[in-house]
Amino acid sequence: MQLTLTSCEVRSWRMGDAEALARHGNNRNIWLNLRDAFPHPYTPHDAREFINSLRHRAPETTFAIAVNGEAAGSVGFVLRHDVERVSAEIGYWLAEPFWGRGMATEALVAITRYAIATHHLTRVYALPFAWNTASCRVLEKAGYTLEARLRRSAIKNGVITDQLQYAFVVPETAAINAGDPPRRGSPD
């Protein structure tokens, strides 16, 4: 998959991205805002293992954010199952030298649209740590709405913290038939 955007591109991960991924990912400021599954320090071995693991996942839901051809971050979503199969949780990070340039917002908008169209979703949501005001701003600029504050719902770096729940919800008029609830007065 490859989406060419104004300031960056969003594309499938390549084995050749491991060096750049390790260099950009080995940053405590990035680690502080991600789930613990993202290790710190982030080594070339971690980068190769991550990229290798993606080769066996279907469907493809995790992509590189590339700047001038070099992987400089990641964006992806986790499809939910069972009754939540019309939803996905999205996450992203961008290398610190590229912060504040609108790249994360542009990549988030593109992948949100891609996830909705490709997987017939009605909702995509994110759960940033409450202290991550920059990520909250990215979500807001990408059209996500703050829905909730999940009090004391996470621990990072030994600190119990709140998470904020943001969501992009497809308008009801555009909902996919398979995900629509029965209409009032119609037989179940």
C-alpha atoms as a PDB file:
ATOM      1  CA  MET A   1       0.000   0.000   0.000  1.00  0.00           C
ATOM      2  CA  GLN A   2       1.228   3.501  -0.755  1.00  0.00           C
ATOM      3  CA  LEU A   3      -0.475   6.861  -0.276  1.00  0.00           C
ATOM      4  CA  THR A   4       1.439   9.901  -1.493  1.00  0.00           C
ATOM      5  CA  LEU A   5       0.488  12.922   0.591  1.00  0.00           C
ATOM      6  CA  THR A   6       1.578  16.562   0.519  1.00  0.00           C
ATOM      7  CA  SER A   7       4.238  16.404   3.257  1.00  0.00           C
ATOM      8  CA  CYS A   8       4.963  12.682   3.487  1.00  0.00           C
ATOM      9  CA  GLU A   9       3.866   9.295   2.275  1.00  0.00           C
ATOM     10  CA  VAL A  10       2.189   6.428   4.050  1.00  0.00           C
ATOM     11  CA  ARG A  11       3.292   3.054   2.735  1.00  0.00           C
ATOM     12  CA  SER A  12       3.935  -0.562   3.556  1.00  0.00           C
ATOM     13  CA  TRP A  13       6.962  -1.277   5.726  1.00  0.00           C
ATOM     14  CA  ARG A  14      10.082  -2.600   3.964  1.00  0.00           C
ATOM     15  CA  MET A  15      13.004  -4.524   5.429  1.00  0.00           C
ATOM     16  CA  GLY A  16      15.236  -1.656   4.293  1.00  0.00           C
ATOM     17  CA  ASP A  17      13.417   0.604   6.782  1.00  0.00           C
ATOM     18  CA  ALA A  18      14.931  -1.107   9.837  1.00  0.00           C
ATOM     19  CA  GLU A  19      17.905   1.241  10.232  1.00  0.00           C
ATOM     20  CA  ALA A  20      15.803   4.416  10.034  1.00  0.00           C
ATOM     21  CA  LEU A  21      13.127   2.890  12.280  1.00  0.00           C
ATOM     22  CA  ALA A  22      15.708   2.049  14.947  1.00  0.00           C
ATOM     23  CA  ARG A  23      17.325   5.493  14.723  1.00  0.00           C
ATOM     24  CA  HIS A  24      14.045   7.413  14.978  1.00  0.00           C
ATOM     25  CA  GLY A  25      12.334   5.006  17.379  1.00  0.00           C
ATOM     26  CA  ASN A  26      15.171   5.023  19.908  1.00  0.00           C
ATOM     27  CA  ASN A  27      13.910   8.209  21.540  1.00  0.00           C
ATOM     28  CA  ARG A  28      12.596   8.423  25.083  1.00  0.00           C
ATOM     29  CA  ASN A  29      10.214  11.250  24.130  1.00  0.00           C
ATOM     30  CA  ILE A  30       8.527   8.926  21.648  1.00  0.00           C
ATOM     31  CA  TRP A  31       8.515   5.949  24.013  1.00  0.00           C
ATOM     32  CA  LEU A  32       6.853   8.008  26.775  1.00  0.00           C
ATOM     33  CA  ASN A  33       3.761   8.444  24.612  1.00  0.00           C
ATOM     34  CA  LEU A  34       3.415   4.884  23.308  1.00  0.00           C
ATOM     35  CA  ARG A  35       2.270   1.600  24.781  1.00  0.00           C
ATOM     36  CA  ASP A  36       4.828  -0.552  26.554  1.00  0.00           C
ATOM     37  CA  ALA A  37       4.906  -2.975  23.602  1.00  0.00           C
ATOM     38  CA  PHE A  38       7.205  -0.358  22.005  1.00  0.00           C
ATOM     39  CA  PRO A  39      10.524  -0.989  23.790  1.00  0.00           C
ATOM     40  CA  HIS A  40      13.088   1.522  25.005  1.00  0.00           C
ATOM     41  CA  PRO A  41      15.845   1.569  24.095  1.00  0.00           C
ATOM     42  CA  TYR A  42      14.683   0.681  20.570  1.00  0.00           C
ATOM     43  CA  THR A  43      17.373  -1.352  18.835  1.00  0.00           C
ATOM     44  CA  PRO A  44      18.005  -2.427  15.216  1.00  0.00           C
ATOM     45  CA  HIS A  45      16.984  -5.932  16.334  1.00  0.00           C
ATOM     46  CA  ASP A  46      13.639  -4.546  17.593  1.00  0.00           C
ATOM     47  CA  ALA A  47      13.120  -2.788  14.252  1.00  0.00           C
ATOM     48  CA  ARG A  48      13.841  -5.939  12.217  1.00  0.00           C
ATOM     49  CA  GLU A  49      11.558  -8.040  14.443  1.00  0.00           C
ATOM     50  CA  PHE A  50       8.753  -5.489  14.124  1.00  0.00           C
ATOM     51  CA  ILE A  51       8.993  -5.314  10.330  1.00  0.00           C
ATOM     52  CA  ASN A  52       9.241  -9.120  10.077  1.00  0.00           C
ATOM     53  CA  SER A  53       6.144  -9.531  12.234  1.00  0.00           C
ATOM     54  CA  LEU A  54       4.153  -7.323   9.876  1.00  0.00           C
ATOM     55  CA  ARG A  55       4.924  -9.552   6.913  1.00  0.00           C
ATOM     56  CA  HIS A  56       2.761 -12.292   8.447  1.00  0.00           C
ATOM     57  CA  ARG A  57      -0.231 -10.130   9.330  1.00  0.00           C
ATOM     58  CA  ALA A  58      -3.287 -10.083   7.156  1.00  0.00           C
ATOM     59  CA  PRO A  59      -4.887  -7.745   6.542  1.00  0.00           C
ATOM     60  CA  GLU A  60      -2.125  -5.141   6.477  1.00  0.00           C
ATOM     61  CA  THR A  61      -3.020  -2.454   9.026  1.00  0.00           C
ATOM     62  CA  THR A  62       0.338  -0.957  10.085  1.00  0.00           C
ATOM     63  CA  PHE A  63       2.254   1.387   7.804  1.00  0.00           C
ATOM     64  CA  ALA A  64       5.394   3.507   7.664  1.00  0.00           C
ATOM     65  CA  ILE A  65       5.197   7.268   7.580  1.00  0.00           C
ATOM     66  CA  ALA A  66       8.020   8.152   5.180  1.00  0.00           C
ATOM     67  CA  VAL A  67       9.620  11.549   4.650  1.00  0.00           C
ATOM     68  CA  ASN A  68      11.758  11.893   1.527  1.00  0.00           C
ATOM     69  CA  GLY A  69      11.645   8.113   1.169  1.00  0.00           C
ATOM     70  CA  GLU A  70      12.903   7.393   4.701  1.00  0.00           C
ATOM     71  CA  ALA A  71      10.712   5.784   7.361  1.00  0.00           C
ATOM     72  CA  ALA A  72      10.184   8.417  10.048  1.00  0.00           C
ATOM     73  CA  GLY A  73       7.256   7.011  11.993  1.00  0.00           C
ATOM     74  CA  SER A  74       4.374   4.605  11.988  1.00  0.00           C
ATOM     75  CA  VAL A  75       0.598   4.686  11.770  1.00  0.00           C
ATOM     76  CA  GLY A  76      -1.748   1.758  12.117  1.00  0.00           C
ATOM     77  CA  PHE A  77      -5.013   0.478  13.394  1.00  0.00           C
ATOM     78  CA  VAL A  78      -6.292  -2.590  15.222  1.00  0.00           C
ATOM     79  CA  LEU A  79      -9.541  -3.970  13.912  1.00  0.00           C
ATOM     80  CA  ARG A  80     -12.008  -4.875  16.647  1.00  0.00           C
ATOM     81  CA  HIS A  81     -14.030  -8.084  16.585  1.00  0.00           C
ATOM     82  CA  ASP A  82     -17.442  -9.473  17.483  1.00  0.00           C
ATOM     83  CA  VAL A  83     -20.011  -6.724  18.096  1.00  0.00           C
ATOM     84  CA  GLU A  84     -17.276  -4.073  17.766  1.00  0.00           C
ATOM     85  CA  ARG A  85     -16.271  -5.250  14.271  1.00  0.00           C
ATOM     86  CA  VAL A  86     -17.277  -1.868  12.816  1.00  0.00           C
ATOM     87  CA  SER A  87     -14.593  -0.141  14.942  1.00  0.00           C
ATOM     88  CA  ALA A  88     -10.817   0.104  15.022  1.00  0.00           C
ATOM     89  CA  GLU A  89      -8.294   1.642  17.413  1.00  0.00           C
ATOM     90  CA  ILE A  90      -5.684   3.799  15.699  1.00  0.00           C
ATOM     91  CA  GLY A  91      -2.205   4.775  16.837  1.00  0.00           C
ATOM     92  CA  TYR A  92       0.734   6.651  15.385  1.00  0.00           C
ATOM     93  CA  TRP A  93       4.097   8.192  16.116  1.00  0.00           C
ATOM     94  CA  LEU A  94       6.439  10.454  14.196  1.00  0.00           C
ATOM     95  CA  ALA A  95      10.160  11.094  14.663  1.00  0.00           C
ATOM     96  CA  GLU A  96      10.845  14.143  16.802  1.00  0.00           C
ATOM     97  CA  PRO A  97      12.647  16.178  14.070  1.00  0.00           C
ATOM     98  CA  PHE A  98       9.350  16.195  12.115  1.00  0.00           C
ATOM     99  CA  TRP A  99       7.038  17.293  14.939  1.00  0.00           C
ATOM    100  CA  GLY A 100       4.975  20.428  14.388  1.00  0.00           C
ATOM    101  CA  ARG A 101       4.933  20.239  10.574  1.00  0.00           C
ATOM    102  CA  GLY A 102       1.456  18.752  10.058  1.00  0.00           C
ATOM    103  CA  MET A 103       2.770  15.367   8.900  1.00  0.00           C
ATOM    104  CA  ALA A 104       1.178  13.342  11.684  1.00  0.00           C
ATOM    105  CA  THR A 105      -2.189  15.005  11.035  1.00  0.00           C
ATOM    106  CA  GLU A 106      -1.956  14.385   7.293  1.00  0.00           C
ATOM    107  CA  ALA A 107      -0.999  10.721   7.803  1.00  0.00           C
ATOM    108  CA  LEU A 108      -3.768  10.250  10.386  1.00  0.00           C
ATOM    109  CA  VAL A 109      -6.428  11.691   8.069  1.00  0.00           C
ATOM    110  CA  ALA A 110      -5.272   9.467   5.188  1.00  0.00           C
ATOM    111  CA  ILE A 111      -5.181   6.251   7.230  1.00  0.00           C
ATOM    112  CA  THR A 112      -8.501   7.002   8.907  1.00  0.00           C
ATOM    113  CA  ARG A 113     -10.105   7.319   5.465  1.00  0.00           C
ATOM    114  CA  TYR A 114      -8.286   4.192   4.260  1.00  0.00           C
ATOM    115  CA  ALA A 115      -9.371   2.136   7.304  1.00  0.00           C
ATOM    116  CA  ILE A 116     -13.012   3.204   6.970  1.00  0.00           C
ATOM    117  CA  ALA A 117     -13.190   2.573   3.224  1.00  0.00           C
ATOM    118  CA  THR A 118     -11.205  -0.672   3.180  1.00  0.00           C
ATOM    119  CA  HIS A 119     -12.738  -2.318   6.243  1.00  0.00           C
ATOM    120  CA  HIS A 120     -16.254  -0.800   6.180  1.00  0.00           C
ATOM    121  CA  LEU A 121     -15.823   0.835   9.585  1.00  0.00           C
ATOM    122  CA  THR A 122     -18.209   3.254  11.237  1.00  0.00           C
ATOM    123  CA  ARG A 123     -15.800   4.366  13.962  1.00  0.00           C
ATOM    124  CA  VAL A 124     -12.062   4.809  14.480  1.00  0.00           C
ATOM    125  CA  TYR A 125     -10.810   5.804  17.919  1.00  0.00           C
ATOM    126  CA  ALA A 126      -7.588   6.645  19.763  1.00  0.00           C
ATOM    127  CA  LEU A 127      -6.582   6.604  23.433  1.00  0.00           C
ATOM    128  CA  PRO A 128      -3.702   9.051  24.002  1.00  0.00           C
ATOM    129  CA  PHE A 129      -2.329   9.609  27.478  1.00  0.00           C
ATOM    130  CA  ALA A 130      -3.875  12.760  28.958  1.00  0.00           C
ATOM    131  CA  TRP A 131      -0.456  14.435  29.200  1.00  0.00           C
ATOM    132  CA  ASN A 132       0.115  14.084  25.441  1.00  0.00           C
ATOM    133  CA  THR A 133      -1.458  17.394  24.414  1.00  0.00           C
ATOM    134  CA  ALA A 134       0.354  17.424  21.048  1.00  0.00           C
ATOM    135  CA  SER A 135      -1.233  14.111  20.055  1.00  0.00           C
ATOM    136  CA  CYS A 136      -4.631  15.334  21.229  1.00  0.00           C
ATOM    137  CA  ARG A 137      -4.216  18.368  18.986  1.00  0.00           C
ATOM    138  CA  VAL A 138      -3.286  16.113  16.021  1.00  0.00           C
ATOM    139  CA  LEU A 139      -6.464  14.103  16.595  1.00  0.00           C
ATOM    140  CA  GLU A 140      -8.606  17.231  16.800  1.00  0.00           C
ATOM    141  CA  LYS A 141      -7.099  18.657  13.589  1.00  0.00           C
ATOM    142  CA  ALA A 142      -7.790  15.295  11.886  1.00  0.00           C
ATOM    143  CA  GLY A 143     -11.503  15.562  12.729  1.00  0.00           C
ATOM    144  CA  TYR A 144     -11.589  13.373  15.838  1.00  0.00           C
ATOM    145  CA  THR A 145     -13.833  14.374  18.756  1.00  0.00           C
ATOM    146  CA  LEU A 146     -13.045  14.013  22.438  1.00  0.00           C
ATOM    147  CA  GLU A 147     -15.589  11.575  23.879  1.00  0.00           C
ATOM    148  CA  ALA A 148     -14.322  10.660  27.322  1.00  0.00           C
ATOM    149  CA  ARG A 149     -11.639  10.854  29.953  1.00  0.00           C
ATOM    150  CA  LEU A 150     -10.751   7.359  31.177  1.00  0.00           C
ATOM    151  CA  ARG A 151      -9.604   8.136  34.704  1.00  0.00           C
ATOM    152  CA  ARG A 152      -6.560   6.278  36.044  1.00  0.00           C
ATOM    153  CA  SER A 153      -6.859   3.756  33.194  1.00  0.00           C
ATOM    154  CA  ALA A 154      -3.182   3.309  32.281  1.00  0.00           C
ATOM    155  CA  ILE A 155       0.316   3.159  33.707  1.00  0.00           C
ATOM    156  CA  LYS A 156       3.374   4.432  31.866  1.00  0.00           C
ATOM    157  CA  ASN A 157       6.880   4.792  33.225  1.00  0.00           C
ATOM    158  CA  GLY A 158       5.555   3.934  36.697  1.00  0.00           C
ATOM    159  CA  VAL A 159       2.930   6.698  36.659  1.00  0.00           C
ATOM    160  CA  ILE A 160      -0.814   6.014  36.768  1.00  0.00           C
ATOM    161  CA  THR A 161      -2.485   8.307  34.254  1.00  0.00           C
ATOM    162  CA  ASP A 162      -5.733   9.117  32.526  1.00  0.00           C
ATOM    163  CA  GLN A 163      -6.314   8.374  28.869  1.00  0.00           C
ATOM    164  CA  LEU A 164      -8.498  10.485  26.629  1.00  0.00           C
ATOM    165  CA  GLN A 165     -10.833   8.774  24.198  1.00  0.00           C
ATOM    166  CA  TYR A 166     -11.072  10.463  20.813  1.00  0.00           C
ATOM    167  CA  ALA A 167     -13.158   9.113  17.936  1.00  0.00           C
ATOM    168  CA  PHE A 168     -13.865   9.745  14.297  1.00  0.00           C
ATOM    169  CA  VAL A 169     -17.399   8.549  13.659  1.00  0.00           C
ATOM    170  CA  VAL A 170     -18.824   8.113  10.165  1.00  0.00           C
ATOM    171  CA  PRO A 171     -22.130  10.003   9.898  1.00  0.00           C
ATOM    172  CA  GLU A 172     -25.159   7.720  10.214  1.00  0.00           C
ATOM    173  CA  THR A 173     -26.309   8.526   6.691  1.00  0.00           C
ATOM    174  CA  ALA A 174     -23.068   7.046   5.364  1.00  0.00           C
ATOM    175  CA  ALA A 175     -23.090   3.941   7.590  1.00  0.00           C
ATOM    176  CA  ILE A 176     -22.474   0.601   5.959  1.00  0.00           C
ATOM    177  CA  ASN A 177     -25.633  -1.523   5.644  1.00  0.00           C
ATOM    178  CA  ALA A 178     -24.035  -4.510   7.363  1.00  0.00           C
ATOM    179  CA  GLY A 179     -23.293  -2.364  10.390  1.00  0.00           C
ATOM    180  CA  ASP A 180     -26.641  -0.581  10.555  1.00  0.00           C
ATOM    181  CA  PRO A 181     -28.900  -1.414  13.489  1.00  0.00           C
ATOM    182  CA  PRO A 182     -32.431  -2.562  12.693  1.00  0.00           C
ATOM    183  CA  ARG A 183     -34.692   0.454  12.020  1.00  0.00           C
ATOM    184  CA  ARG A 184     -37.523   1.268  14.371  1.00  0.00           C
ATOM    185  CA  GLY A 185     -40.613  -0.628  13.410  1.00  0.00           C
ATOM    186  CA  SER A 186     -38.727  -3.109  11.238  1.00  0.00           C
ATOM    187  CA  PRO A 187     -38.623  -6.774  12.085  1.00  0.00           C
ATOM    188  CA  ASP A 188     -35.424  -7.934  13.778  1.00  0.00           C
END
